[in-house]
Amino acid sequence: MARILIVEDTPDFRLMMRDILQTAGHEIVEAENGNAAIRKMESGSFDLLVTDVLMPESDGIELINTVAHQGGNLPILAVSGGGRNLPAAVSLALTEAAGAHRTLFKPFRAAELLAVVDELLSAGKGKN
């Protein structure tokens, strides 16, 4: 079991990811944007960060930059369906440049999410 922070501004999509990952046995903490995620990270450690890219207040790219500059080995999965006239492929490429370890295009199947989460968790990265 891993402790995973899900950062997603769309409540239904956040709930869907939470249900998939909880069913797989993981402990889930949720945040609706990058600012809320930083506050949650300051009060606890996580094994994995799953973040949307385009969100209000503080987006996924800002969040990934912040986490990457803090050091440590927190694995990061960025997810995006595009938006703001920015194709998903472009927004996900930006997250990889910022420090995301893997990306997924929305919508994705539960099996795809679980496979990437398992891959990142088994990479042996430590808690942050």
Foldseek 3Di string as FASTA:
>chain_A
DWEEEEEAQDVVVSVVLVVLVVVVPYHYDYHDALVRVVVVVVVDKGQEYEAEADHPPHGPLNNLLVVVVVDFFHAYEYEYQDDPPGHRVRSVVSSVVSPHPYYYYPPDDSVVVVVVVVVSNVVPGDMD
